[in-house]
Amino acid sequence: MVFLIKFLLLFALVGAALGYLLNGRTSDSAKQGAAGGVLLATLGLFQLLCFGALAIAGIWLITRIF
């Protein structure tokens, strides 16, 4: 659980910094960048979860065949 919080926080900070620097240097652009960073991190974690589930399902299928 701590890993998830750190991962989301890291992406939020990077997104906020990029939003602040590249989108007008306002606090609103930093908030939008942080929200985008959290969204990107959530999608990445979901993909990682799906790939892990597919890998486990594949290993289970191979053990059942052989």
Protein backbone atom coordinates (compact mmCIF):
# COMPACT_ATOMS: atom_id res chain seq x y z
CA MET A 1 0.00 0.00 0.00
CA VAL A 2 2.87 2.36 0.75
CA PHE A 3 4.29 1.64 -2.70
CA LEU A 4 1.02 2.72 -4.34
CA ILE A 5 0.91 5.97 -2.39
CA LYS A 6 4.55 6.75 -3.20
CA PHE A 7 4.02 5.90 -6.86
CA LEU A 8 0.94 8.12 -7.15
CA LEU A 9 2.63 10.93 -5.24
CA LEU A 10 5.72 10.78 -7.44
CA PHE A 11 3.66 10.99 -10.63
CA ALA A 12 1.56 13.81 -9.14
CA LEU A 13 4.67 15.80 -8.30
CA VAL A 14 6.19 15.29 -11.73
CA GLY A 15 2.89 16.18 -13.38
CA ALA A 16 2.52 19.30 -11.24
CA ALA A 17 6.06 20.43 -12.04
CA LEU A 18 5.60 19.87 -15.76
CA GLY A 19 2.19 21.56 -15.72
CA TYR A 20 3.61 24.54 -13.87
CA LEU A 21 6.65 24.93 -16.10
CA LEU A 22 5.07 24.22 -19.48
CA ASN A 23 1.55 25.58 -19.12
CA GLY A 24 1.65 29.17 -17.96
CA ARG A 25 3.19 29.10 -14.46
CA THR A 26 -0.06 29.30 -12.51
CA SER A 27 -1.28 27.25 -9.59
CA ASP A 28 -4.24 26.08 -11.67
CA SER A 29 -1.95 24.61 -14.31
CA ALA A 30 0.04 22.85 -11.56
CA LYS A 31 -3.20 21.34 -10.21
CA GLN A 32 -4.17 20.14 -13.67
CA GLY A 33 -0.72 18.65 -14.15
CA ALA A 34 -0.94 16.84 -10.80
CA ALA A 35 -4.35 15.44 -11.73
CA GLY A 36 -2.97 14.26 -15.06
CA GLY A 37 0.00 12.66 -13.33
CA VAL A 38 -2.24 10.76 -10.93
CA LEU A 39 -4.42 9.62 -13.84
CA LEU A 40 -1.37 8.43 -15.78
CA ALA A 41 -0.03 6.57 -12.73
CA THR A 42 -3.41 4.92 -12.13
CA LEU A 43 -3.60 3.72 -15.72
CA GLY A 44 -0.04 2.42 -15.55
CA LEU A 45 -0.73 0.52 -12.33
CA PHE A 46 -3.90 -0.96 -13.83
CA GLN A 47 -1.94 -2.17 -16.86
CA LEU A 48 0.68 -3.70 -14.59
CA LEU A 49 -2.05 -5.47 -12.64
CA CYS A 50 -3.62 -6.81 -15.84
CA PHE A 51 -0.29 -8.03 -17.21
CA GLY A 52 0.41 -9.79 -13.91
CA ALA A 53 -2.99 -11.48 -13.97
CA LEU A 54 -2.44 -12.61 -17.55
CA ALA A 55 0.99 -13.97 -16.65
CA ILE A 56 -0.42 -15.93 -13.74
CA ALA A 57 -3.24 -17.27 -15.93
CA GLY A 58 -0.71 -18.30 -18.57
CA ILE A 59 1.47 -20.11 -16.05
CA TRP A 60 -1.60 -21.88 -14.65
CA LEU A 61 -2.64 -22.95 -18.17
CA ILE A 62 0.83 -24.28 -18.99
CA THR A 63 0.91 -26.31 -15.77
CA ARG A 64 -2.48 -27.82 -16.60
CA ILE A 65 -1.40 -28.78 -20.13
CA PHE A 66 1.89 -30.36 -19.14
